[in-house]
PDB file of all heavy atoms in Angstrom:
ATOM      1  N   PRO A   1      97.930 105.445  94.493  1.00  0.00           N
ATOM      2  CA  PRO A   1      98.731 106.381  93.666  1.00  0.00           C
ATOM      3  C   PRO A   1     100.230 106.278  93.903  1.00  0.00           C
ATOM      4  O   PRO A   1     100.758 106.318  95.091  1.00  0.00           O
ATOM      5  CB  PRO A   1      98.165 107.791  94.249  1.00  0.00           C
ATOM      6  CG  PRO A   1      96.869 107.507  94.872  1.00  0.00           C
ATOM      7  CD  PRO A   1      97.034 106.158  95.376  1.00  0.00           C
ATOM      8  N   GLY A   2     100.954 106.086  92.904  1.00  0.00           N
ATOM      9  CA  GLY A   2     102.420 105.942  92.981  1.00  0.00           C
ATOM     10  C   GLY A   2     102.934 104.670  93.529  1.00  0.00           C
ATOM     11  O   GLY A   2     104.106 104.432  93.749  1.00  0.00           O
ATOM     12  N   LYS A   3     102.064 103.608  93.820  1.00  0.00           N
ATOM     13  CA  LYS A   3     102.479 102.342  94.354  1.00  0.00           C
ATOM     14  C   LYS A   3     101.868 101.238  93.504  1.00  0.00           C
ATOM     15  O   LYS A   3     101.005 101.401  92.699  1.00  0.00           O
ATOM     16  CB  LYS A   3     102.111 102.234  95.795  1.00  0.00           C
ATOM     17  CG  LYS A   3     102.620 103.236  96.726  1.00  0.00           C
ATOM     18  CD  LYS A   3     102.086 102.988  98.151  1.00  0.00           C
ATOM     19  CE  LYS A   3     102.730 103.973  99.199  1.00  0.00           C
ATOM     20  NZ  LYS A   3     102.170 103.730 100.502  1.00  0.00           N
ATOM     21  N   ARG A   4     102.414 100.096  93.684  1.00  0.00           N
ATOM     22  CA  ARG A   4     102.012  98.817  93.052  1.00  0.00           C
ATOM     23  C   ARG A   4     101.275  98.047  93.979  1.00  0.00           C
ATOM     24  O   ARG A   4     101.183  96.772  93.877  1.00  0.00           O
ATOM     25  CB  ARG A   4     103.169  98.057  92.365  1.00  0.00           C
ATOM     26  CG  ARG A   4     103.996  98.835  91.455  1.00  0.00           C
ATOM     27  CD  ARG A   4     103.294  99.343  90.212  1.00  0.00           C
ATOM     28  NE  ARG A   4     102.827  98.274  89.366  1.00  0.00           N
ATOM     29  CZ  ARG A   4     101.946  98.552  88.385  1.00  0.00           C
ATOM     30  NH1 ARG A   4     101.541  99.842  88.107  1.00  0.00           N
ATOM     31  NH2 ARG A   4     101.549  97.477  87.628  1.00  0.00           N
ATOM     32  N   GLU A   5     100.508  98.645  95.040  1.00  0.00           N
ATOM     33  CA  GLU A   5      99.733  97.999  95.974  1.00  0.00           C
ATOM     34  C   GLU A   5      98.246  98.212  95.715  1.00  0.00           C
ATOM     35  O   GLU A   5      97.928  99.250  95.184  1.00  0.00           O
ATOM     36  CB  GLU A   5     100.131  98.387  97.360  1.00  0.00           C
ATOM     37  CG  GLU A   5     101.469  98.182  97.878  1.00  0.00           C
ATOM     38  CD  GLU A   5     101.714  98.739  99.242  1.00  0.00           C
ATOM     39  OE1 GLU A   5     100.775  99.517  99.695  1.00  0.00           O
ATOM     40  OE2 GLU A   5     102.720  98.518  99.760  1.00  0.00           O
ATOM     41  N   THR A   6      97.508  97.192  96.020  1.00  0.00           N
ATOM     42  CA  THR A   6      95.992  97.415  95.885  1.00  0.00           C
ATOM     43  C   THR A   6      95.381  97.991  97.101  1.00  0.00           C
ATOM     44  O   THR A   6      95.895  97.773  98.243  1.00  0.00           O
ATOM     45  CB  THR A   6      95.259  96.131  95.373  1.00  0.00           C
ATOM     46  OG1 THR A   6      93.931  96.468  95.278  1.00  0.00           O
ATOM     47  CG2 THR A   6      95.325  95.195  96.637  1.00  0.00           C
ATOM     48  N   TRP A   7      94.399  98.817  96.890  1.00  0.00           N
ATOM     49  CA  TRP A   7      93.539  99.510  98.027  1.00  0.00           C
ATOM     50  C   TRP A   7      92.239  98.754  98.256  1.00  0.00           C
ATOM     51  O   TRP A   7      91.504  98.894  99.199  1.00  0.00           O
ATOM     52  CB  TRP A   7      93.381 100.969  97.934  1.00  0.00           C
ATOM     53  CG  TRP A   7      92.568 101.207  96.595  1.00  0.00           C
ATOM     54  CD1 TRP A   7      93.130 101.521  95.373  1.00  0.00           C
ATOM     55  CD2 TRP A   7      91.198 101.374  96.446  1.00  0.00           C
ATOM     56  NE1 TRP A   7      92.244 101.772  94.438  1.00  0.00           N
ATOM     57  CE2 TRP A   7      90.979 101.663  95.095  1.00  0.00           C
ATOM     58  CE3 TRP A   7      90.190 101.161  97.212  1.00  0.00           C
ATOM     59  CZ2 TRP A   7      89.734 101.822  94.583  1.00  0.00           C
ATOM     60  CZ3 TRP A   7      88.848 101.380  96.742  1.00  0.00           C
ATOM     61  CH2 TRP A   7      88.682 101.608  95.466  1.00  0.00           C
ATOM     62  N   LEU A   8      91.869  97.873  97.322  1.00  0.00           N
ATOM     63  CA  LEU A   8      90.589  97.261  97.366  1.00  0.00           C
ATOM     64  C   LEU A   8      90.814  95.697  97.199  1.00  0.00           C
ATOM     65  O   LEU A   8      91.475  95.205  96.231  1.00  0.00           O
ATOM     66  CB  LEU A   8      89.704  97.726  96.086  1.00  0.00           C
ATOM     67  CG  LEU A   8      88.410  96.994  96.099  1.00  0.00           C
ATOM     68  CD1 LEU A   8      87.476  97.286  97.145  1.00  0.00           C
ATOM     69  CD2 LEU A   8      87.677  97.424  94.695  1.00  0.00           C
ATOM     70  N   PHE A   9      90.150  95.008  98.084  1.00  0.00           N
ATOM     71  CA  PHE A   9      90.229  93.527  98.106  1.00  0.00           C
ATOM     72  C   PHE A   9      88.807  93.047  97.783  1.00  0.00           C
ATOM     73  O   PHE A   9      87.973  93.046  98.628  1.00  0.00           O
ATOM     74  CB  PHE A   9      90.701  92.960  99.409  1.00  0.00           C
ATOM     75  CG  PHE A   9      91.011  91.522  99.406  1.00  0.00           C
ATOM     76  CD1 PHE A   9      92.325  91.020  99.081  1.00  0.00           C
ATOM     77  CD2 PHE A   9      90.096  90.547  99.543  1.00  0.00           C
ATOM     78  CE1 PHE A   9      92.671  89.743  99.151  1.00  0.00           C
ATOM     79  CE2 PHE A   9      90.324  89.189  99.492  1.00  0.00           C
ATOM     80  CZ  PHE A   9      91.619  88.782  99.173  1.00  0.00           C
ATOM     81  N   SER A  10      88.595  92.672  96.596  1.00  0.00           N
ATOM     82  CA  SER A  10      87.243  92.244  96.092  1.00  0.00           C
ATOM     83  C   SER A  10      87.453  91.277  94.986  1.00  0.00           C
ATOM     84  O   SER A  10      88.601  91.133  94.392  1.00  0.00           O
ATOM     85  CB  SER A  10      86.358  93.425  95.707  1.00  0.00           C
ATOM     86  OG  SER A  10      86.657  93.791  94.429  1.00  0.00           O
ATOM     87  N   ARG A  11      86.365  90.672  94.742  1.00  0.00           N
ATOM     88  CA  ARG A  11      86.400  89.665  93.487  1.00  0.00           C
ATOM     89  C   ARG A  11      86.792  90.351  92.167  1.00  0.00           C
ATOM     90  O   ARG A  11      87.423  89.803  91.325  1.00  0.00           O
ATOM     91  CB  ARG A  11      84.933  89.169  93.271  1.00  0.00           C
ATOM     92  CG  ARG A  11      84.590  88.499  92.057  1.00  0.00           C
ATOM     93  CD  ARG A  11      83.168  88.152  92.137  1.00  0.00           C
ATOM     94  NE  ARG A  11      82.578  88.025  90.818  1.00  0.00           N
ATOM     95  CZ  ARG A  11      81.245  87.782  90.402  1.00  0.00           C
ATOM     96  NH1 ARG A  11      80.439  87.907  91.423  1.00  0.00           N
ATOM     97  NH2 ARG A  11      80.851  87.718  89.262  1.00  0.00           N
ATOM     98  N   PHE A  12      86.499  91.731  92.004  1.00  0.00           N
ATOM     99  CA  PHE A  12      86.747  92.365  90.754  1.00  0.00           C
ATOM    100  C   PHE A  12      88.081  92.993  90.809  1.00  0.00           C
ATOM    101  O   PHE A  12      88.450  93.548  89.663  1.00  0.00           O
ATOM    102  CB  PHE A  12      85.690  93.454  90.528  1.00  0.00           C
ATOM    103  CG  PHE A  12      84.266  92.827  90.191  1.00  0.00           C
ATOM    104  CD1 PHE A  12      83.311  92.857  91.162  1.00  0.00           C
ATOM    105  CD2 PHE A  12      84.100  92.177  89.029  1.00  0.00           C
ATOM    106  CE1 PHE A  12      82.114  92.247  90.917  1.00  0.00           C
ATOM    107  CE2 PHE A  12      82.774  91.685  88.714  1.00  0.00           C
ATOM    108  CZ  PHE A  12      81.828  91.602  89.748  1.00  0.00           C
ATOM    109  N   SER A  13      88.804  93.069  91.879  1.00  0.00           N
ATOM    110  CA  SER A  13      90.174  93.489  91.848  1.00  0.00           C
ATOM    111  C   SER A  13      91.349  92.584  92.086  1.00  0.00           C
ATOM    112  O   SER A  13      92.333  92.533  91.577  1.00  0.00           O
ATOM    113  CB  SER A  13      90.334  94.744  92.953  1.00  0.00           C
ATOM    114  OG  SER A  13      90.057  94.171  94.231  1.00  0.00           O
ATOM    115  N   THR A  14      91.007  91.553  93.026  1.00  0.00           N
ATOM    116  CA  THR A  14      91.946  90.517  93.270  1.00  0.00           C
ATOM    117  C   THR A  14      91.503  89.083  92.875  1.00  0.00           C
ATOM    118  O   THR A  14      92.240  88.128  92.948  1.00  0.00           O
ATOM    119  CB  THR A  14      92.249  90.447  94.791  1.00  0.00           C
ATOM    120  OG1 THR A  14      90.977  90.199  95.514  1.00  0.00           O
ATOM    121  CG2 THR A  14      92.940  91.757  95.220  1.00  0.00           C
ATOM    122  N   GLY A  15      90.312  88.982  92.338  1.00  0.00           N
ATOM    123  CA  GLY A  15      89.745  87.679  91.826  1.00  0.00           C
ATOM    124  C   GLY A  15      89.324  86.829  93.206  1.00  0.00           C
ATOM    125  O   GLY A  15      89.016  87.474  94.142  1.00  0.00           O
ATOM    126  N   TRP A  16      89.219  85.685  92.916  1.00  0.00           N
ATOM    127  CA  TRP A  16      88.705  84.779  93.999  1.00  0.00           C
ATOM    128  C   TRP A  16      89.846  84.287  94.965  1.00  0.00           C
ATOM    129  O   TRP A  16      89.942  83.055  95.221  1.00  0.00           O
ATOM    130  CB  TRP A  16      87.948  83.603  93.390  1.00  0.00           C
ATOM    131  CG  TRP A  16      86.775  83.879  92.542  1.00  0.00           C
ATOM    132  CD1 TRP A  16      86.692  83.890  91.234  1.00  0.00           C
ATOM    133  CD2 TRP A  16      85.441  84.352  93.113  1.00  0.00           C
ATOM    134  NE1 TRP A  16      85.421  84.243  90.820  1.00  0.00           N
ATOM    135  CE2 TRP A  16      84.726  84.626  91.897  1.00  0.00           C
ATOM    136  CE3 TRP A  16      85.030  84.701  94.317  1.00  0.00           C
ATOM    137  CZ2 TRP A  16      83.421  84.996  92.024  1.00  0.00           C
ATOM    138  CZ3 TRP A  16      83.693  85.064  94.336  1.00  0.00           C
ATOM    139  CH2 TRP A  16      82.889  85.253  93.178  1.00  0.00           C
ATOM    140  N   SER A  17      90.617  85.277  95.414  1.00  0.00           N
ATOM    141  CA  SER A  17      91.926  84.789  96.139  1.00  0.00           C
ATOM    142  C   SER A  17      91.532  84.082  97.408  1.00  0.00           C
ATOM    143  O   SER A  17      92.394  83.274  97.910  1.00  0.00           O
ATOM    144  CB  SER A  17      92.588  86.154  96.605  1.00  0.00           C
ATOM    145  OG  SER A  17      92.938  86.899  95.532  1.00  0.00           O
ATOM    146  N   CYS A  18      90.324  84.321  98.087  1.00  0.00           N
ATOM    147  CA  CYS A  18      90.021  83.503  99.399  1.00  0.00           C
ATOM    148  C   CYS A  18      88.984  82.547  99.063  1.00  0.00           C
ATOM    149  O   CYS A  18      88.378  82.118 100.077  1.00  0.00           O
ATOM    150  CB  CYS A  18      89.592  84.588 100.408  1.00  0.00           C
ATOM    151  SG  CYS A  18      90.948  85.601 100.926  1.00  0.00           S
ATOM    152  N   GLY A  19      88.651  82.262  97.811  1.00  0.00           N
ATOM    153  CA  GLY A  19      87.681  81.154  97.523  1.00  0.00           C
ATOM    154  C   GLY A  19      86.299  81.917  97.021  1.00  0.00           C
ATOM    155  O   GLY A  19      86.234  83.081  97.264  1.00  0.00           O
ATOM    156  N   LEU A  20      85.560  81.051  96.488  1.00  0.00           N
ATOM    157  CA  LEU A  20      84.205  81.466  95.960  1.00  0.00           C
ATOM    158  C   LEU A  20      83.230  81.856  97.076  1.00  0.00           C
ATOM    159  O   LEU A  20      82.988  81.079  97.965  1.00  0.00           O
ATOM    160  CB  LEU A  20      83.632  80.390  95.126  1.00  0.00           C
ATOM    161  CG  LEU A  20      82.358  80.645  94.354  1.00  0.00           C
ATOM    162  CD1 LEU A  20      82.596  81.645  93.312  1.00  0.00           C
ATOM    163  CD2 LEU A  20      81.831  79.334  93.831  1.00  0.00           C
ATOM    164  N   HIS A  21      82.826  83.160  97.058  1.00  0.00           N
ATOM    165  CA  HIS A  21      81.899  83.701  98.078  1.00  0.00           C
ATOM    166  C   HIS A  21      82.381  83.444  99.408  1.00  0.00           C
ATOM    167  O   HIS A  21      81.746  82.862 100.306  1.00  0.00           O
ATOM    168  CB  HIS A  21      80.445  83.052  97.848  1.00  0.00           C
ATOM    169  CG  HIS A  21      79.816  83.480  96.568  1.00  0.00           C
ATOM    170  ND1 HIS A  21      79.530  84.906  96.330  1.00  0.00           N
ATOM    171  CD2 HIS A  21      79.388  82.789  95.623  1.00  0.00           C
ATOM    172  CE1 HIS A  21      78.954  84.906  95.143  1.00  0.00           C
ATOM    173  NE2 HIS A  21      78.856  83.648  94.671  1.00  0.00           N
ATOM    174  N   ALA A  22      83.622  83.945  99.743  1.00  0.00           N
ATOM    175  CA  ALA A  22      84.210  83.680 101.100  1.00  0.00           C
ATOM    176  C   ALA A  22      83.401  84.526 102.058  1.00  0.00           C
ATOM    177  O   ALA A  22      82.926  85.504 101.940  1.00  0.00           O
ATOM    178  CB  ALA A  22      85.611  84.216 101.036  1.00  0.00           C
ATOM    179  N   ASP A  23      83.254  83.832 103.179  1.00  0.00           N
ATOM    180  CA  ASP A  23      82.434  84.462 104.360  1.00  0.00           C
ATOM    181  C   ASP A  23      83.381  85.325 105.163  1.00  0.00           C
ATOM    182  O   ASP A  23      84.609  85.352 104.881  1.00  0.00           O
ATOM    183  CB  ASP A  23      81.556  83.468 105.145  1.00  0.00           C
ATOM    184  CG  ASP A  23      82.464  82.542 105.818  1.00  0.00           C
ATOM    185  OD1 ASP A  23      83.653  82.646 105.984  1.00  0.00           O
ATOM    186  OD2 ASP A  23      81.953  81.581 106.376  1.00  0.00           O
ATOM    187  N   TRP A  24      82.924  85.920 106.359  1.00  0.00           N
ATOM    188  CA  TRP A  24      83.629  86.781 107.121  1.00  0.00           C
ATOM    189  C   TRP A  24      84.902  85.993 107.729  1.00  0.00           C
ATOM    190  O   TRP A  24      85.995  86.609 107.823  1.00  0.00           O
ATOM    191  CB  TRP A  24      82.806  87.304 108.277  1.00  0.00           C
ATOM    192  CG  TRP A  24      83.500  88.075 109.323  1.00  0.00           C
ATOM    193  CD1 TRP A  24      83.952  87.696 110.525  1.00  0.00           C
ATOM    194  CD2 TRP A  24      83.919  89.414 109.219  1.00  0.00           C
ATOM    195  NE1 TRP A  24      84.615  88.637 111.269  1.00  0.00           N
ATOM    196  CE2 TRP A  24      84.660  89.766 110.403  1.00  0.00           C
ATOM    197  CE3 TRP A  24      83.927  90.486 108.222  1.00  0.00           C
ATOM    198  CZ2 TRP A  24      85.129  90.923 110.686  1.00  0.00           C
ATOM    199  CZ3 TRP A  24      84.468  91.587 108.457  1.00  0.00           C
ATOM    200  CH2 TRP A  24      85.073  91.912 109.638  1.00  0.00           C
ATOM    201  N   THR A  25      84.636  84.809 108.269  1.00  0.00           N
ATOM    202  CA  THR A  25      85.738  84.024 108.796  1.00  0.00           C
ATOM    203  C   THR A  25      86.882  83.726 107.781  1.00  0.00           C
ATOM    204  O   THR A  25      88.029  83.958 108.076  1.00  0.00           O
ATOM    205  CB  THR A  25      85.151  82.739 109.405  1.00  0.00           C
ATOM    206  OG1 THR A  25      84.057  83.129 110.328  1.00  0.00           O
ATOM    207  CG2 THR A  25      86.277  81.947 110.158  1.00  0.00           C
ATOM    208  N   GLU A  26      86.411  83.245 106.649  1.00  0.00           N
ATOM    209  CA  GLU A  26      87.454  83.049 105.652  1.00  0.00           C
ATOM    210  C   GLU A  26      88.257  84.261 105.300  1.00  0.00           C
ATOM    211  O   GLU A  26      89.411  84.279 105.089  1.00  0.00           O
ATOM    212  CB  GLU A  26      86.767  82.409 104.406  1.00  0.00           C
ATOM    213  CG  GLU A  26      86.179  81.014 104.662  1.00  0.00           C
ATOM    214  CD  GLU A  26      85.252  80.527 103.504  1.00  0.00           C
ATOM    215  OE1 GLU A  26      84.606  81.427 102.896  1.00  0.00           O
ATOM    216  OE2 GLU A  26      85.227  79.370 103.346  1.00  0.00           O
ATOM    217  N   LEU A  27      87.511  85.411 105.051  1.00  0.00           N
ATOM    218  CA  LEU A  27      88.264  86.721 104.696  1.00  0.00           C
ATOM    219  C   LEU A  27      89.141  87.148 105.814  1.00  0.00           C
ATOM    220  O   LEU A  27      90.333  87.546 105.507  1.00  0.00           O
ATOM    221  CB  LEU A  27      87.189  87.783 104.297  1.00  0.00           C
ATOM    222  CG  LEU A  27      86.509  87.547 102.995  1.00  0.00           C
ATOM    223  CD1 LEU A  27      85.398  88.700 102.904  1.00  0.00           C
ATOM    224  CD2 LEU A  27      87.469  87.624 101.901  1.00  0.00           C
ATOM    225  N   THR A  28      88.671  86.982 107.034  1.00  0.00           N
ATOM    226  CA  THR A  28      89.560  87.435 108.197  1.00  0.00           C
ATOM    227  C   THR A  28      90.838  86.664 108.160  1.00  0.00           C
ATOM    228  O   THR A  28      91.943  87.182 108.513  1.00  0.00           O
ATOM    229  CB  THR A  28      88.799  87.286 109.476  1.00  0.00           C
ATOM    230  OG1 THR A  28      87.513  87.928 109.481  1.00  0.00           O
ATOM    231  CG2 THR A  28      89.477  87.647 110.656  1.00  0.00           C
ATOM    232  N   ASN A  29      90.771  85.331 107.881  1.00  0.00           N
ATOM    233  CA  ASN A  29      91.975  84.517 108.026  1.00  0.00           C
ATOM    234  C   ASN A  29      92.796  84.684 106.734  1.00  0.00           C
ATOM    235  O   ASN A  29      94.059  84.530 106.793  1.00  0.00           O
ATOM    236  CB  ASN A  29      91.641  83.158 108.233  1.00  0.00           C
ATOM    237  CG  ASN A  29      90.955  82.920 109.474  1.00  0.00           C
ATOM    238  OD1 ASN A  29      91.397  83.616 110.514  1.00  0.00           O
ATOM    239  ND2 ASN A  29      90.107  81.955 109.579  1.00  0.00           N
ATOM    240  N   CYS A  30      92.291  84.943 105.659  1.00  0.00           N
ATOM    241  CA  CYS A  30      92.862  84.900 104.338  1.00  0.00           C
ATOM    242  C   CYS A  30      93.412  86.240 103.903  1.00  0.00           C
ATOM    243  O   CYS A  30      94.505  86.279 103.301  1.00  0.00           O
ATOM    244  CB  CYS A  30      91.882  84.388 103.212  1.00  0.00           C
ATOM    245  SG  CYS A  30      92.451  84.442 101.553  1.00  0.00           S
ATOM    246  N   VAL A  31      92.801  87.352 103.963  1.00  0.00           N
ATOM    247  CA  VAL A  31      93.135  88.606 103.412  1.00  0.00           C
ATOM    248  C   VAL A  31      94.532  89.123 103.793  1.00  0.00           C
ATOM    249  O   VAL A  31      95.340  89.383 102.954  1.00  0.00           O
ATOM    250  CB  VAL A  31      92.130  89.682 103.721  1.00  0.00           C
ATOM    251  CG1 VAL A  31      92.684  90.990 103.413  1.00  0.00           C
ATOM    252  CG2 VAL A  31      90.771  89.359 103.069  1.00  0.00           C
ATOM    253  N   PRO A  32      94.946  89.009 105.148  1.00  0.00           N
ATOM    254  CA  PRO A  32      96.294  89.535 105.466  1.00  0.00           C
ATOM    255  C   PRO A  32      97.345  88.728 104.730  1.00  0.00           C
ATOM    256  O   PRO A  32      98.339  89.305 104.267  1.00  0.00           O
ATOM    257  CB  PRO A  32      96.388  89.250 107.003  1.00  0.00           C
ATOM    258  CG  PRO A  32      94.937  89.338 107.460  1.00  0.00           C
ATOM    259  CD  PRO A  32      94.112  88.772 106.279  1.00  0.00           C
ATOM    260  N   SER A  33      97.235  87.370 104.675  1.00  0.00           N
ATOM    261  CA  SER A  33      98.266  86.539 104.035  1.00  0.00           C
ATOM    262  C   SER A  33      98.316  86.844 102.443  1.00  0.00           C
ATOM    263  O   SER A  33      99.442  86.811 101.883  1.00  0.00           O
ATOM    264  CB  SER A  33      98.047  85.140 104.378  1.00  0.00           C
ATOM    265  OG  SER A  33      96.769  84.626 103.768  1.00  0.00           O
ATOM    266  N   VAL A  34      97.136  87.142 101.895  1.00  0.00           N
ATOM    267  CA  VAL A  34      97.172  87.388 100.390  1.00  0.00           C
ATOM    268  C   VAL A  34      97.747  88.773 100.083  1.00  0.00           C
ATOM    269  O   VAL A  34      98.595  88.912  99.241  1.00  0.00           O
ATOM    270  CB  VAL A  34      95.760  87.260  99.877  1.00  0.00           C
ATOM    271  CG1 VAL A  34      95.613  87.619  98.377  1.00  0.00           C
ATOM    272  CG2 VAL A  34      95.254  85.747  99.939  1.00  0.00           C
ATOM    273  N   VAL A  35      97.223  89.721 100.864  1.00  0.00           N
ATOM    274  CA  VAL A  35      97.696  91.102 100.580  1.00  0.00           C
ATOM    275  C   VAL A  35      99.150  91.417 101.003  1.00  0.00           C
ATOM    276  O   VAL A  35      99.817  91.996 100.246  1.00  0.00           O
ATOM    277  CB  VAL A  35      96.775  92.145 101.336  1.00  0.00           C
ATOM    278  CG1 VAL A  35      97.286  93.554 101.180  1.00  0.00           C
ATOM    279  CG2 VAL A  35      95.353  92.015 100.795  1.00  0.00           C
ATOM    280  N   ASP A  36      99.628  90.789 102.056  1.00  0.00           N
ATOM    281  CA  ASP A  36     100.915  91.024 102.586  1.00  0.00           C
ATOM    282  C   ASP A  36     101.875  89.926 102.454  1.00  0.00           C
ATOM    283  O   ASP A  36     102.856  89.846 103.055  1.00  0.00           O
ATOM    284  CB  ASP A  36     100.869  91.420 104.063  1.00  0.00           C
ATOM    285  CG  ASP A  36      99.956  92.666 104.241  1.00  0.00           C
ATOM    286  OD1 ASP A  36     100.034  93.615 103.373  1.00  0.00           O
ATOM    287  OD2 ASP A  36      99.355  92.720 105.316  1.00  0.00           O
ATOM    288  N   ASN A  37     101.610  89.015 101.415  1.00  0.00           N
ATOM    289  CA  ASN A  37     102.446  87.768 101.206  1.00  0.00           C
ATOM    290  C   ASN A  37     103.836  88.022 100.898  1.00  0.00           C
ATOM    291  O   ASN A  37     104.678  87.335 101.297  1.00  0.00           O
ATOM    292  CB  ASN A  37     101.780  86.900 100.261  1.00  0.00           C
ATOM    293  CG  ASN A  37     101.810  87.475  98.814  1.00  0.00           C
ATOM    294  OD1 ASN A  37     102.076  88.605  98.627  1.00  0.00           O
ATOM    295  ND2 ASN A  37     101.374  86.620  97.847  1.00  0.00           N
ATOM    296  N   LYS A  38     104.104  89.262 100.292  1.00  0.00           N
ATOM    297  CA  LYS A  38     105.493  89.476  99.864  1.00  0.00           C
ATOM    298  C   LYS A  38     106.284  90.275 101.031  1.00  0.00           C
ATOM    299  O   LYS A  38     107.430  90.520 100.864  1.00  0.00           O
ATOM    300  CB  LYS A  38     105.460  90.308  98.589  1.00  0.00           C
ATOM    301  CG  LYS A  38     104.979  89.519  97.410  1.00  0.00           C
ATOM    302  CD  LYS A  38     104.989  90.269  96.168  1.00  0.00           C
ATOM    303  CE  LYS A  38     104.369  89.439  95.079  1.00  0.00           C
ATOM    304  NZ  LYS A  38     103.066  89.663  94.753  1.00  0.00           N
ATOM    305  N   LYS A  39     105.648  90.778 102.037  1.00  0.00           N
ATOM    306  CA  LYS A  39     106.308  91.550 103.052  1.00  0.00           C
ATOM    307  C   LYS A  39     106.692  90.657 104.221  1.00  0.00           C
ATOM    308  O   LYS A  39     106.070  89.681 104.496  1.00  0.00           O
ATOM    309  CB  LYS A  39     105.341  92.566 103.603  1.00  0.00           C
ATOM    310  CG  LYS A  39     104.994  93.689 102.563  1.00  0.00           C
ATOM    311  CD  LYS A  39     104.126  94.789 103.144  1.00  0.00           C
ATOM    312  CE  LYS A  39     103.804  95.751 102.121  1.00  0.00           C
ATOM    313  NZ  LYS A  39     102.894  96.789 102.686  1.00  0.00           N
ATOM    314  N   GLU A  40     107.788  91.051 104.859  1.00  0.00           N
ATOM    315  CA  GLU A  40     108.108  90.388 106.112  1.00  0.00           C
ATOM    316  C   GLU A  40     107.148  90.707 107.259  1.00  0.00           C
ATOM    317  O   GLU A  40     106.481  91.782 107.133  1.00  0.00           O
ATOM    318  CB  GLU A  40     109.531  90.878 106.560  1.00  0.00           C
ATOM    319  CG  GLU A  40     110.669  90.454 105.654  1.00  0.00           C
ATOM    320  CD  GLU A  40     112.048  90.916 106.161  1.00  0.00           C
ATOM    321  OE1 GLU A  40     112.154  91.066 107.372  1.00  0.00           O
ATOM    322  OE2 GLU A  40     112.763  91.160 105.349  1.00  0.00           O
ATOM    323  N   VAL A  41     107.050  89.863 108.166  1.00  0.00           N
ATOM    324  CA  VAL A  41     105.969  90.077 109.242  1.00  0.00           C
ATOM    325  C   VAL A  41     106.156  91.351 109.897  1.00  0.00           C
ATOM    326  O   VAL A  41     105.209  92.032 110.195  1.00  0.00           O
ATOM    327  CB  VAL A  41     106.084  88.889 110.251  1.00  0.00           C
ATOM    328  CG1 VAL A  41     105.188  89.131 111.352  1.00  0.00           C
ATOM    329  CG2 VAL A  41     105.757  87.579 109.588  1.00  0.00           C
ATOM    330  N   ARG A  42     107.386  91.829 110.227  1.00  0.00           N
ATOM    331  CA  ARG A  42     107.622  93.070 110.850  1.00  0.00           C
ATOM    332  C   ARG A  42     107.264  94.330 110.002  1.00  0.00           C
ATOM    333  O   ARG A  42     107.064  95.419 110.469  1.00  0.00           O
ATOM    334  CB  ARG A  42     109.064  93.140 111.338  1.00  0.00           C
ATOM    335  CG  ARG A  42     110.082  93.144 110.208  1.00  0.00           C
ATOM    336  CD  ARG A  42     111.551  93.308 110.912  1.00  0.00           C
ATOM    337  NE  ARG A  42     112.588  93.291 109.898  1.00  0.00           N
ATOM    338  CZ  ARG A  42     112.890  94.374 109.241  1.00  0.00           C
ATOM    339  NH1 ARG A  42     112.451  95.549 109.563  1.00  0.00           N
ATOM    340  NH2 ARG A  42     113.885  94.309 108.217  1.00  0.00           N
TER     341      ARG A  42
END
């Protein structure tokens, strides 16, 4: 609400951002970089 950020990371909201049927390891490594790619690390 009131932001341009997503609250859900799934195939139906972000597409196949981490690959087709990504497993736990792939999601753990991929999600932070995809969701926060525009933000500085701090």
